[in-house]
Amino acid sequence: MMELVSLNVPLRGVHRKQIMAWLRRSLKVGRQIGNFVLKMTIQRSGKSFEVRAQVSDGAGEFTCRSKGDLMDACREVTHKLNLQLHKQRLQRKAA
């Protein structure tokens, strides 16, 4: 399950589609781990944006965070998310 929350940021359709495309791999790996819940929050603070992803799955919980330009911050968070989920998947297979 995934929830995208944009607090004080009006997301255009183009941005929403791009973010969902970046998250496609994370969602696939999360489903393989099991009990996957992702909550991605986007908030504007001054001229920069803060993107936070909170994940809870069968292997544990973690949070990824980035600050900066909207799309750069989203890209960085999805990259961190993919790396962490991949690590969890490998650890789960090894056990």
C-alpha atoms as a PDB file:
ATOM      1  CA  MET A   1       0.000   0.000   0.000  1.00  0.00           C
ATOM      2  CA  MET A   2       1.229   3.493  -0.803  1.00  0.00           C
ATOM      3  CA  GLU A   3       0.089   6.936   0.272  1.00  0.00           C
ATOM      4  CA  LEU A   4       1.366  10.168  -1.303  1.00  0.00           C
ATOM      5  CA  VAL A   5       0.727  13.211   0.908  1.00  0.00           C
ATOM      6  CA  SER A   6       1.536  16.694  -0.369  1.00  0.00           C
ATOM      7  CA  LEU A   7       0.960  19.004   2.596  1.00  0.00           C
ATOM      8  CA  ASN A   8       1.376  22.524   1.229  1.00  0.00           C
ATOM      9  CA  VAL A   9       2.536  21.607  -2.289  1.00  0.00           C
ATOM     10  CA  PRO A  10       0.100  21.533  -5.206  1.00  0.00           C
ATOM     11  CA  LEU A  11       1.459  18.630  -7.284  1.00  0.00           C
ATOM     12  CA  ARG A  12       0.801  18.780 -11.002  1.00  0.00           C
ATOM     13  CA  GLY A  13      -0.149  15.618 -12.863  1.00  0.00           C
ATOM     14  CA  VAL A  14       3.234  15.495 -14.578  1.00  0.00           C
ATOM     15  CA  HIS A  15       5.050  15.458 -11.226  1.00  0.00           C
ATOM     16  CA  ARG A  16       2.715  12.847  -9.766  1.00  0.00           C
ATOM     17  CA  LYS A  17       3.227  10.535 -12.769  1.00  0.00           C
ATOM     18  CA  GLN A  18       7.011  10.919 -12.609  1.00  0.00           C
ATOM     19  CA  ILE A  19       7.115  10.177  -8.876  1.00  0.00           C
ATOM     20  CA  MET A  20       4.923   7.108  -9.365  1.00  0.00           C
ATOM     21  CA  ALA A  21       7.222   5.889 -12.162  1.00  0.00           C
ATOM     22  CA  TRP A  22      10.248   6.237  -9.874  1.00  0.00           C
ATOM     23  CA  LEU A  23       8.423   4.348  -7.099  1.00  0.00           C
ATOM     24  CA  ARG A  24       7.363   1.438  -9.313  1.00  0.00           C
ATOM     25  CA  ARG A  25      10.455  -0.660  -8.463  1.00  0.00           C
ATOM     26  CA  SER A  26      10.135   0.092  -4.741  1.00  0.00           C
ATOM     27  CA  LEU A  27       6.546  -1.071  -4.740  1.00  0.00           C
ATOM     28  CA  LYS A  28       7.475  -4.301  -6.525  1.00  0.00           C
ATOM     29  CA  VAL A  29      10.308  -5.137  -4.112  1.00  0.00           C
ATOM     30  CA  GLY A  30       8.143  -4.140  -1.133  1.00  0.00           C
ATOM     31  CA  ARG A  31       5.405  -6.542  -2.210  1.00  0.00           C
ATOM     32  CA  GLN A  32       7.981  -9.331  -2.429  1.00  0.00           C
ATOM     33  CA  ILE A  33       9.138  -8.619   1.143  1.00  0.00           C
ATOM     34  CA  GLY A  34       5.535  -8.576   2.421  1.00  0.00           C
ATOM     35  CA  ASN A  35       3.361  -6.312   4.618  1.00  0.00           C
ATOM     36  CA  PHE A  36       4.598  -3.266   2.690  1.00  0.00           C
ATOM     37  CA  VAL A  37       3.279   0.188   3.643  1.00  0.00           C
ATOM     38  CA  LEU A  38       4.827   3.378   2.217  1.00  0.00           C
ATOM     39  CA  LYS A  39       3.866   6.906   3.221  1.00  0.00           C
ATOM     40  CA  MET A  40       5.576   9.638   1.199  1.00  0.00           C
ATOM     41  CA  THR A  41       5.173  13.205   2.462  1.00  0.00           C
ATOM     42  CA  ILE A  42       6.117  16.316   0.499  1.00  0.00           C
ATOM     43  CA  GLN A  43       6.288  19.649   2.314  1.00  0.00           C
ATOM     44  CA  ARG A  44       7.503  23.069   1.258  1.00  0.00           C
ATOM     45  CA  SER A  45       9.692  25.057   3.650  1.00  0.00           C
ATOM     46  CA  GLY A  46      10.807  28.411   2.268  1.00  0.00           C
ATOM     47  CA  LYS A  47      12.183  27.959  -1.239  1.00  0.00           C
ATOM     48  CA  SER A  48      13.065  24.295  -0.789  1.00  0.00           C
ATOM     49  CA  PHE A  49      11.023  21.129  -0.445  1.00  0.00           C
ATOM     50  CA  GLU A  50      11.351  18.333   2.094  1.00  0.00           C
ATOM     51  CA  VAL A  51      10.436  14.839   0.964  1.00  0.00           C
ATOM     52  CA  ARG A  52      10.069  12.123   3.577  1.00  0.00           C
ATOM     53  CA  ALA A  53       9.280   8.441   2.966  1.00  0.00           C
ATOM     54  CA  GLN A  54       8.273   6.238   5.897  1.00  0.00           C
ATOM     55  CA  VAL A  55       8.312   2.507   5.212  1.00  0.00           C
ATOM     56  CA  SER A  56       7.001  -0.378   7.247  1.00  0.00           C
ATOM     57  CA  ASP A  57       7.328  -3.914   5.905  1.00  0.00           C
ATOM     58  CA  GLY A  58       7.911  -7.491   6.935  1.00  0.00           C
ATOM     59  CA  ALA A  59      11.637  -6.858   7.506  1.00  0.00           C
ATOM     60  CA  GLY A  60      11.305  -3.713   9.661  1.00  0.00           C
ATOM     61  CA  GLU A  61      10.756   0.024   9.515  1.00  0.00           C
ATOM     62  CA  PHE A  62      12.868   2.896   8.207  1.00  0.00           C
ATOM     63  CA  THR A  63      12.648   6.504   7.033  1.00  0.00           C
ATOM     64  CA  CYS A  64      14.321   8.255   4.090  1.00  0.00           C
ATOM     65  CA  ARG A  65      14.527  12.048   3.902  1.00  0.00           C
ATOM     66  CA  SER A  66      15.828  14.639   1.466  1.00  0.00           C
ATOM     67  CA  LYS A  67      15.657  18.390   1.050  1.00  0.00           C
ATOM     68  CA  GLY A  68      16.081  20.629  -2.003  1.00  0.00           C
ATOM     69  CA  ASP A  69      14.385  21.129  -5.359  1.00  0.00           C
ATOM     70  CA  LEU A  70      11.106  19.181  -5.630  1.00  0.00           C
ATOM     71  CA  MET A  71      12.042  16.660  -8.301  1.00  0.00           C
ATOM     72  CA  ASP A  72      15.662  16.306  -7.147  1.00  0.00           C
ATOM     73  CA  ALA A  73      14.532  15.574  -3.588  1.00  0.00           C
ATOM     74  CA  CYS A  74      11.939  13.045  -4.814  1.00  0.00           C
ATOM     75  CA  ARG A  75      14.525  11.322  -7.008  1.00  0.00           C
ATOM     76  CA  GLU A  76      17.011  11.128  -4.142  1.00  0.00           C
ATOM     77  CA  VAL A  77      14.430   9.699  -1.726  1.00  0.00           C
ATOM     78  CA  THR A  78      13.279   7.058  -4.216  1.00  0.00           C
ATOM     79  CA  HIS A  79      16.906   6.083  -4.842  1.00  0.00           C
ATOM     80  CA  LYS A  80      17.566   5.701  -1.085  1.00  0.00           C
ATOM     81  CA  LEU A  81      14.309   3.789  -0.755  1.00  0.00           C
ATOM     82  CA  ASN A  82      15.275   1.341  -3.512  1.00  0.00           C
ATOM     83  CA  LEU A  83      18.695   0.723  -1.942  1.00  0.00           C
ATOM     84  CA  GLN A  84      17.281   0.077   1.538  1.00  0.00           C
ATOM     85  CA  LEU A  85      14.510  -2.224   0.265  1.00  0.00           C
ATOM     86  CA  HIS A  86      17.046  -4.173  -1.790  1.00  0.00           C
ATOM     87  CA  LYS A  87      19.222  -4.623   1.318  1.00  0.00           C
ATOM     88  CA  GLN A  88      16.230  -5.834   3.329  1.00  0.00           C
ATOM     89  CA  ARG A  89      15.246  -8.265   0.574  1.00  0.00           C
ATOM     90  CA  LEU A  90      18.753  -9.742   0.459  1.00  0.00           C
ATOM     91  CA  GLN A  91      18.888 -10.079   4.252  1.00  0.00           C
ATOM     92  CA  ARG A  92      15.494 -11.765   4.264  1.00  0.00           C
ATOM     93  CA  LYS A  93      16.608 -14.247   1.576  1.00  0.00           C
ATOM     94  CA  ALA A  94      19.806 -15.043   3.487  1.00  0.00           C
ATOM     95  CA  ALA A  95      17.907 -15.820   6.698  1.00  0.00           C
END
